[in-house]
Amino acid sequence: MATSISKAATANRPAKLTRSEKNDDVKRRLFEAAAKMVGRHGYADASVARITDAAGVAQGTFYNHFENRQELLDQLLPVIGQQMVAFIRMRIDKADSEFGKEVTRFRAFFDFLKETPEFLRILNEAEVFASAGYQRHLDNISTAYVRLLKQARGPGRVGDYSDEELEVIVHVLMGARGYLSRRYAYGEDGLQAVPEHVFSAYEKLISAGLFDKAKPGG
């Protein structure tokens, strides 16, 4: 009986993490802690001491993974940006048209902000405090976005835009997210619900455009 209990206990015992898995876990905790600290205190005051304390690791361990604080900060936004892309991609799979996919991308962006409220501060301050990471993030997002729209070109889908024009469109859409999130997603007390008219306005704009073209002879 004792033997069977012992075997059962052994079977239920979590497997020991490998050295590589331990390192990955520590690095993940450092990124999560850095995101929280930058979101709370800003880049300037997100010290190594604060980050490691929030992550529950020794300061010496920090330098096993990053040469210095700046290296972590330059990686922070691109890492969270890829998490955002993965989050949005899961939602897009349910859309049944290219228009539906873009509407879903837009709404999913604001859903991501609900789950990661520190993202906007990380993004907004990165241009000054983590410029390398900021540029890498913009390149990552815009390149992937342009690629999606190129693949979607065709009658009844994405309009007849050149590759260069699609890049412009992508930056317009990315800019819309940034400014609209500042205006509607955050209030004096922090994160707030985005009004439905923000989504309806965006949907009308991308489906029909802002201005009607003048008719010949009109």
C-alpha atoms as a PDB file:
ATOM      1  CA  MET A   1       0.000   0.000   0.000  1.00  0.00           C
ATOM      2  CA  ALA A   2       2.801   2.380   0.998  1.00  0.00           C
ATOM      3  CA  THR A   3       4.587   1.550  -2.242  1.00  0.00           C
ATOM      4  CA  SER A   4       1.563   2.450  -4.400  1.00  0.00           C
ATOM      5  CA  ILE A   5       1.098   5.753  -2.516  1.00  0.00           C
ATOM      6  CA  SER A   6       4.754   6.528  -3.034  1.00  0.00           C
ATOM      7  CA  LYS A   7       4.457   5.812  -6.759  1.00  0.00           C
ATOM      8  CA  ALA A   8       1.344   7.985  -7.009  1.00  0.00           C
ATOM      9  CA  ALA A   9       3.083  10.845  -5.229  1.00  0.00           C
ATOM     10  CA  THR A  10       6.041  10.560  -7.559  1.00  0.00           C
ATOM     11  CA  ALA A  11       3.779  10.555 -10.626  1.00  0.00           C
ATOM     12  CA  ASN A  12       1.982  13.697  -9.426  1.00  0.00           C
ATOM     13  CA  ARG A  13       5.168  15.558  -8.551  1.00  0.00           C
ATOM     14  CA  PRO A  14       5.926  18.369 -11.035  1.00  0.00           C
ATOM     15  CA  ALA A  15       8.812  17.578 -13.335  1.00  0.00           C
ATOM     16  CA  LYS A  16      12.008  19.453 -12.532  1.00  0.00           C
ATOM     17  CA  LEU A  17      12.704  22.322 -14.863  1.00  0.00           C
ATOM     18  CA  THR A  18      15.783  22.081 -17.026  1.00  0.00           C
ATOM     19  CA  ARG A  19      18.413  24.820 -16.816  1.00  0.00           C
ATOM     20  CA  SER A  20      17.106  26.271 -20.079  1.00  0.00           C
ATOM     21  CA  GLU A  21      13.516  26.263 -18.791  1.00  0.00           C
ATOM     22  CA  LYS A  22      14.610  27.946 -15.550  1.00  0.00           C
ATOM     23  CA  ASN A  23      16.417  30.651 -17.520  1.00  0.00           C
ATOM     24  CA  ASP A  24      13.363  31.188 -19.733  1.00  0.00           C
ATOM     25  CA  ASP A  25      11.148  31.456 -16.651  1.00  0.00           C
ATOM     26  CA  VAL A  26      13.423  34.015 -14.993  1.00  0.00           C
ATOM     27  CA  LYS A  27      13.618  36.093 -18.170  1.00  0.00           C
ATOM     28  CA  ARG A  28       9.831  35.987 -18.542  1.00  0.00           C
ATOM     29  CA  ARG A  29       9.424  37.206 -14.952  1.00  0.00           C
ATOM     30  CA  LEU A  30      11.905  40.012 -15.549  1.00  0.00           C
ATOM     31  CA  PHE A  31      10.011  41.172 -18.641  1.00  0.00           C
ATOM     32  CA  GLU A  32       6.677  41.026 -16.794  1.00  0.00           C
ATOM     33  CA  ALA A  33       8.139  42.954 -13.862  1.00  0.00           C
ATOM     34  CA  ALA A  34       9.732  45.529 -16.155  1.00  0.00           C
ATOM     35  CA  ALA A  35       6.395  46.092 -17.880  1.00  0.00           C
ATOM     36  CA  LYS A  36       4.686  46.664 -14.530  1.00  0.00           C
ATOM     37  CA  MET A  37       7.411  49.000 -13.276  1.00  0.00           C
ATOM     38  CA  VAL A  38       7.554  51.074 -16.465  1.00  0.00           C
ATOM     39  CA  GLY A  39       3.764  51.235 -16.498  1.00  0.00           C
ATOM     40  CA  ARG A  40       3.735  52.432 -12.889  1.00  0.00           C
ATOM     41  CA  HIS A  41       6.868  54.592 -12.658  1.00  0.00           C
ATOM     42  CA  GLY A  42       7.941  55.287 -16.249  1.00  0.00           C
ATOM     43  CA  TYR A  43      11.179  54.247 -17.906  1.00  0.00           C
ATOM     44  CA  ALA A  44      13.282  56.745 -15.968  1.00  0.00           C
ATOM     45  CA  ASP A  45      12.347  55.320 -12.571  1.00  0.00           C
ATOM     46  CA  ALA A  46      12.086  51.638 -13.517  1.00  0.00           C
ATOM     47  CA  SER A  47      15.352  50.735 -11.804  1.00  0.00           C
ATOM     48  CA  VAL A  48      17.003  47.326 -11.798  1.00  0.00           C
ATOM     49  CA  ALA A  49      16.276  47.130  -8.066  1.00  0.00           C
ATOM     50  CA  ARG A  50      12.574  47.718  -8.598  1.00  0.00           C
ATOM     51  CA  ILE A  51      12.407  45.288 -11.516  1.00  0.00           C
ATOM     52  CA  THR A  52      14.229  42.454  -9.745  1.00  0.00           C
ATOM     53  CA  ASP A  53      12.263  42.995  -6.540  1.00  0.00           C
ATOM     54  CA  ALA A  54       8.978  42.758  -8.480  1.00  0.00           C
ATOM     55  CA  ALA A  55      10.252  39.675 -10.328  1.00  0.00           C
ATOM     56  CA  GLY A  56      11.424  38.002  -7.137  1.00  0.00           C
ATOM     57  CA  VAL A  57      15.001  37.476  -8.338  1.00  0.00           C
ATOM     58  CA  ALA A  58      18.382  38.703  -7.123  1.00  0.00           C
ATOM     59  CA  GLN A  59      19.960  41.721  -8.811  1.00  0.00           C
ATOM     60  CA  GLY A  60      22.962  39.587  -9.704  1.00  0.00           C
ATOM     61  CA  THR A  61      20.659  37.238 -11.611  1.00  0.00           C
ATOM     62  CA  PHE A  62      19.490  40.158 -13.728  1.00  0.00           C
ATOM     63  CA  TYR A  63      22.956  40.525 -15.218  1.00  0.00           C
ATOM     64  CA  ASN A  64      23.005  36.879 -16.222  1.00  0.00           C
ATOM     65  CA  HIS A  65      20.292  37.767 -18.746  1.00  0.00           C
ATOM     66  CA  PHE A  66      20.949  41.402 -19.674  1.00  0.00           C
ATOM     67  CA  GLU A  67      24.151  43.375 -19.976  1.00  0.00           C
ATOM     68  CA  ASN A  68      22.485  46.394 -18.419  1.00  0.00           C
ATOM     69  CA  ARG A  69      19.091  47.996 -17.748  1.00  0.00           C
ATOM     70  CA  GLN A  70      18.986  49.636 -21.185  1.00  0.00           C
ATOM     71  CA  GLU A  71      19.243  46.289 -22.951  1.00  0.00           C
ATOM     72  CA  LEU A  72      16.120  45.090 -21.147  1.00  0.00           C
ATOM     73  CA  LEU A  73      14.248  48.326 -21.836  1.00  0.00           C
ATOM     74  CA  ASP A  74      15.116  48.159 -25.544  1.00  0.00           C
ATOM     75  CA  GLN A  75      13.697  44.641 -25.719  1.00  0.00           C
ATOM     76  CA  LEU A  76      10.594  45.349 -23.650  1.00  0.00           C
ATOM     77  CA  LEU A  77       8.331  47.033 -26.228  1.00  0.00           C
ATOM     78  CA  PRO A  78       9.112  44.573 -29.069  1.00  0.00           C
ATOM     79  CA  VAL A  79       8.362  41.656 -26.732  1.00  0.00           C
ATOM     80  CA  ILE A  80       5.015  43.109 -25.643  1.00  0.00           C
ATOM     81  CA  GLY A  81       4.299  44.058 -29.248  1.00  0.00           C
ATOM     82  CA  GLN A  82       4.636  40.435 -30.309  1.00  0.00           C
ATOM     83  CA  GLN A  83       2.313  39.420 -27.469  1.00  0.00           C
ATOM     84  CA  MET A  84      -0.188  41.941 -28.807  1.00  0.00           C
ATOM     85  CA  VAL A  85       0.107  40.521 -32.336  1.00  0.00           C
ATOM     86  CA  ALA A  86      -0.504  36.993 -31.033  1.00  0.00           C
ATOM     87  CA  PHE A  87      -3.501  38.211 -29.014  1.00  0.00           C
ATOM     88  CA  ILE A  88      -5.041  39.936 -32.040  1.00  0.00           C
ATOM     89  CA  ARG A  89      -4.296  37.045 -34.406  1.00  0.00           C
ATOM     90  CA  MET A  90      -6.390  34.698 -32.267  1.00  0.00           C
ATOM     91  CA  ARG A  91      -9.387  36.993 -32.760  1.00  0.00           C
ATOM     92  CA  ILE A  92      -8.943  37.421 -36.521  1.00  0.00           C
ATOM     93  CA  ASP A  93      -9.446  33.720 -37.177  1.00  0.00           C
ATOM     94  CA  LYS A  94     -13.158  34.193 -36.433  1.00  0.00           C
ATOM     95  CA  ALA A  95     -13.667  36.965 -39.027  1.00  0.00           C
ATOM     96  CA  ASP A  96     -15.211  36.008 -42.388  1.00  0.00           C
ATOM     97  CA  SER A  97     -14.047  38.915 -44.594  1.00  0.00           C
ATOM     98  CA  GLU A  98     -11.105  41.289 -44.952  1.00  0.00           C
ATOM     99  CA  PHE A  99     -13.282  44.124 -43.677  1.00  0.00           C
ATOM    100  CA  GLY A 100     -14.292  41.956 -40.735  1.00  0.00           C
ATOM    101  CA  LYS A 101     -10.657  41.179 -40.022  1.00  0.00           C
ATOM    102  CA  GLU A 102      -9.708  44.850 -39.886  1.00  0.00           C
ATOM    103  CA  VAL A 103     -12.649  45.660 -37.606  1.00  0.00           C
ATOM    104  CA  THR A 104     -11.599  42.736 -35.411  1.00  0.00           C
ATOM    105  CA  ARG A 105      -7.976  43.929 -35.349  1.00  0.00           C
ATOM    106  CA  PHE A 106      -9.108  47.362 -34.234  1.00  0.00           C
ATOM    107  CA  ARG A 107     -11.408  46.115 -31.481  1.00  0.00           C
ATOM    108  CA  ALA A 108      -8.858  43.524 -30.345  1.00  0.00           C
ATOM    109  CA  PHE A 109      -6.247  46.252 -29.899  1.00  0.00           C
ATOM    110  CA  PHE A 110      -8.427  47.902 -27.258  1.00  0.00           C
ATOM    111  CA  ASP A 111      -9.170  44.527 -25.666  1.00  0.00           C
ATOM    112  CA  PHE A 112      -5.418  44.028 -25.385  1.00  0.00           C
ATOM    113  CA  LEU A 113      -5.125  47.358 -23.572  1.00  0.00           C
ATOM    114  CA  LYS A 114      -7.620  46.087 -20.985  1.00  0.00           C
ATOM    115  CA  GLU A 115      -5.375  43.104 -20.294  1.00  0.00           C
ATOM    116  CA  THR A 116      -2.127  45.080 -20.528  1.00  0.00           C
ATOM    117  CA  PRO A 117      -2.973  48.608 -19.316  1.00  0.00           C
ATOM    118  CA  GLU A 118       0.704  49.525 -19.005  1.00  0.00           C
ATOM    119  CA  PHE A 119       1.239  49.077 -22.750  1.00  0.00           C
ATOM    120  CA  LEU A 120       0.391  52.646 -23.756  1.00  0.00           C
ATOM    121  CA  ARG A 121       2.900  54.228 -21.367  1.00  0.00           C
ATOM    122  CA  ILE A 122       5.550  51.740 -22.453  1.00  0.00           C
ATOM    123  CA  LEU A 123       4.856  52.671 -26.081  1.00  0.00           C
ATOM    124  CA  ASN A 124       4.620  56.432 -25.610  1.00  0.00           C
ATOM    125  CA  GLU A 125       7.811  56.809 -23.565  1.00  0.00           C
ATOM    126  CA  ALA A 126       9.852  54.347 -25.606  1.00  0.00           C
ATOM    127  CA  GLU A 127      10.671  56.855 -28.353  1.00  0.00           C
ATOM    128  CA  VAL A 128      12.732  58.810 -25.803  1.00  0.00           C
ATOM    129  CA  PHE A 129      13.925  56.186 -23.326  1.00  0.00           C
ATOM    130  CA  ALA A 130      14.212  53.076 -25.522  1.00  0.00           C
ATOM    131  CA  SER A 131      14.505  54.407 -29.061  1.00  0.00           C
ATOM    132  CA  ALA A 132      16.056  51.223 -30.481  1.00  0.00           C
ATOM    133  CA  GLY A 133      13.184  49.158 -29.120  1.00  0.00           C
ATOM    134  CA  TYR A 134      10.643  51.708 -30.307  1.00  0.00           C
ATOM    135  CA  GLN A 135      11.912  51.553 -33.888  1.00  0.00           C
ATOM    136  CA  ARG A 136      12.102  47.762 -33.821  1.00  0.00           C
ATOM    137  CA  HIS A 137       8.509  47.592 -32.593  1.00  0.00           C
ATOM    138  CA  LEU A 138       7.259  49.909 -35.354  1.00  0.00           C
ATOM    139  CA  ASP A 139       9.150  47.918 -37.978  1.00  0.00           C
ATOM    140  CA  ASN A 140       7.807  44.600 -36.652  1.00  0.00           C
ATOM    141  CA  ILE A 141       4.181  45.735 -36.566  1.00  0.00           C
ATOM    142  CA  SER A 142       4.126  47.703 -39.810  1.00  0.00           C
ATOM    143  CA  THR A 143       5.953  45.008 -41.813  1.00  0.00           C
ATOM    144  CA  ALA A 144       3.529  42.308 -40.681  1.00  0.00           C
ATOM    145  CA  TYR A 145       0.507  44.583 -41.249  1.00  0.00           C
ATOM    146  CA  VAL A 146       1.593  45.521 -44.781  1.00  0.00           C
ATOM    147  CA  ARG A 147       2.177  41.861 -45.605  1.00  0.00           C
ATOM    148  CA  LEU A 148      -1.375  40.985 -44.514  1.00  0.00           C
ATOM    149  CA  LEU A 149      -2.906  43.734 -46.651  1.00  0.00           C
ATOM    150  CA  LYS A 150      -0.816  42.769 -49.683  1.00  0.00           C
ATOM    151  CA  GLN A 151      -2.115  39.229 -49.406  1.00  0.00           C
ATOM    152  CA  ALA A 152      -5.682  40.539 -49.169  1.00  0.00           C
ATOM    153  CA  ARG A 153      -5.634  42.648 -52.339  1.00  0.00           C
ATOM    154  CA  GLY A 154      -8.395  41.768 -54.782  1.00  0.00           C
ATOM    155  CA  PRO A 155     -11.988  42.566 -55.874  1.00  0.00           C
ATOM    156  CA  GLY A 156     -14.288  42.978 -52.899  1.00  0.00           C
ATOM    157  CA  ARG A 157     -11.360  42.814 -50.505  1.00  0.00           C
ATOM    158  CA  VAL A 158      -8.535  45.339 -50.128  1.00  0.00           C
ATOM    159  CA  GLY A 159      -8.560  48.081 -52.777  1.00  0.00           C
ATOM    160  CA  ASP A 160      -6.130  48.650 -55.595  1.00  0.00           C
ATOM    161  CA  TYR A 161      -3.271  50.183 -53.638  1.00  0.00           C
ATOM    162  CA  SER A 162       0.395  49.964 -54.583  1.00  0.00           C
ATOM    163  CA  ASP A 163       2.880  48.465 -52.121  1.00  0.00           C
ATOM    164  CA  GLU A 164       4.045  51.964 -51.226  1.00  0.00           C
ATOM    165  CA  GLU A 165       0.483  53.174 -50.683  1.00  0.00           C
ATOM    166  CA  LEU A 166      -0.297  50.199 -48.448  1.00  0.00           C
ATOM    167  CA  GLU A 167       2.636  51.150 -46.236  1.00  0.00           C
ATOM    168  CA  VAL A 168       1.152  54.646 -45.897  1.00  0.00           C
ATOM    169  CA  ILE A 169      -2.271  53.182 -45.093  1.00  0.00           C
ATOM    170  CA  VAL A 170      -0.779  50.945 -42.405  1.00  0.00           C
ATOM    171  CA  HIS A 171       0.887  53.876 -40.663  1.00  0.00           C
ATOM    172  CA  VAL A 172      -2.371  55.838 -40.835  1.00  0.00           C
ATOM    173  CA  LEU A 173      -4.226  52.939 -39.183  1.00  0.00           C
ATOM    174  CA  MET A 174      -1.496  52.480 -36.571  1.00  0.00           C
ATOM    175  CA  GLY A 175      -1.575  56.197 -35.828  1.00  0.00           C
ATOM    176  CA  ALA A 176      -5.339  56.060 -35.398  1.00  0.00           C
ATOM    177  CA  ARG A 177      -4.962  53.394 -32.723  1.00  0.00           C
ATOM    178  CA  GLY A 178      -2.383  55.429 -30.861  1.00  0.00           C
ATOM    179  CA  TYR A 179      -4.303  58.694 -30.786  1.00  0.00           C
ATOM    180  CA  LEU A 180      -7.705  57.122 -30.186  1.00  0.00           C
ATOM    181  CA  SER A 181      -6.362  55.102 -27.270  1.00  0.00           C
ATOM    182  CA  ARG A 182      -5.011  58.279 -25.664  1.00  0.00           C
ATOM    183  CA  ARG A 183      -8.314  60.068 -26.189  1.00  0.00           C
ATOM    184  CA  TYR A 184     -10.792  57.331 -25.281  1.00  0.00           C
ATOM    185  CA  ALA A 185      -9.135  54.381 -23.521  1.00  0.00           C
ATOM    186  CA  TYR A 186      -7.593  56.284 -20.616  1.00  0.00           C
ATOM    187  CA  GLY A 187      -9.190  58.784 -18.271  1.00  0.00           C
ATOM    188  CA  GLU A 188      -8.159  60.581 -15.110  1.00  0.00           C
ATOM    189  CA  ASP A 189      -8.636  57.379 -13.141  1.00  0.00           C
ATOM    190  CA  GLY A 190      -6.811  55.143 -15.593  1.00  0.00           C
ATOM    191  CA  LEU A 191      -8.212  52.648 -18.073  1.00  0.00           C
ATOM    192  CA  GLN A 192     -11.845  53.150 -19.074  1.00  0.00           C
ATOM    193  CA  ALA A 193     -14.363  51.602 -21.459  1.00  0.00           C
ATOM    194  CA  VAL A 194     -14.057  52.838 -25.043  1.00  0.00           C
ATOM    195  CA  PRO A 195     -17.371  54.293 -26.311  1.00  0.00           C
ATOM    196  CA  GLU A 196     -19.074  52.312 -29.053  1.00  0.00           C
ATOM    197  CA  HIS A 197     -19.102  55.325 -31.370  1.00  0.00           C
ATOM    198  CA  VAL A 198     -15.313  55.051 -31.627  1.00  0.00           C
ATOM    199  CA  PHE A 199     -15.696  51.638 -33.236  1.00  0.00           C
ATOM    200  CA  SER A 200     -18.634  52.620 -35.442  1.00  0.00           C
ATOM    201  CA  ALA A 201     -16.760  55.692 -36.725  1.00  0.00           C
ATOM    202  CA  TYR A 202     -13.709  53.587 -37.564  1.00  0.00           C
ATOM    203  CA  GLU A 203     -15.832  50.977 -39.333  1.00  0.00           C
ATOM    204  CA  LYS A 204     -17.571  53.612 -41.451  1.00  0.00           C
ATOM    205  CA  LEU A 205     -14.271  55.245 -42.349  1.00  0.00           C
ATOM    206  CA  ILE A 206     -12.558  52.079 -43.552  1.00  0.00           C
ATOM    207  CA  SER A 207     -15.632  50.699 -45.332  1.00  0.00           C
ATOM    208  CA  ALA A 208     -16.728  53.790 -47.267  1.00  0.00           C
ATOM    209  CA  GLY A 209     -14.062  56.438 -46.854  1.00  0.00           C
ATOM    210  CA  LEU A 210     -14.558  59.935 -45.491  1.00  0.00           C
ATOM    211  CA  PHE A 211     -15.548  61.850 -48.635  1.00  0.00           C
ATOM    212  CA  ASP A 212     -17.785  61.009 -51.576  1.00  0.00           C
ATOM    213  CA  LYS A 213     -16.073  61.503 -54.916  1.00  0.00           C
ATOM    214  CA  ALA A 214     -17.720  64.174 -57.014  1.00  0.00           C
ATOM    215  CA  LYS A 215     -19.872  62.700 -59.772  1.00  0.00           C
ATOM    216  CA  PRO A 216     -19.179  63.807 -63.344  1.00  0.00           C
ATOM    217  CA  GLY A 217     -21.402  66.745 -64.243  1.00  0.00           C
ATOM    218  CA  GLY A 218     -22.564  67.068 -60.620  1.00  0.00           C
END
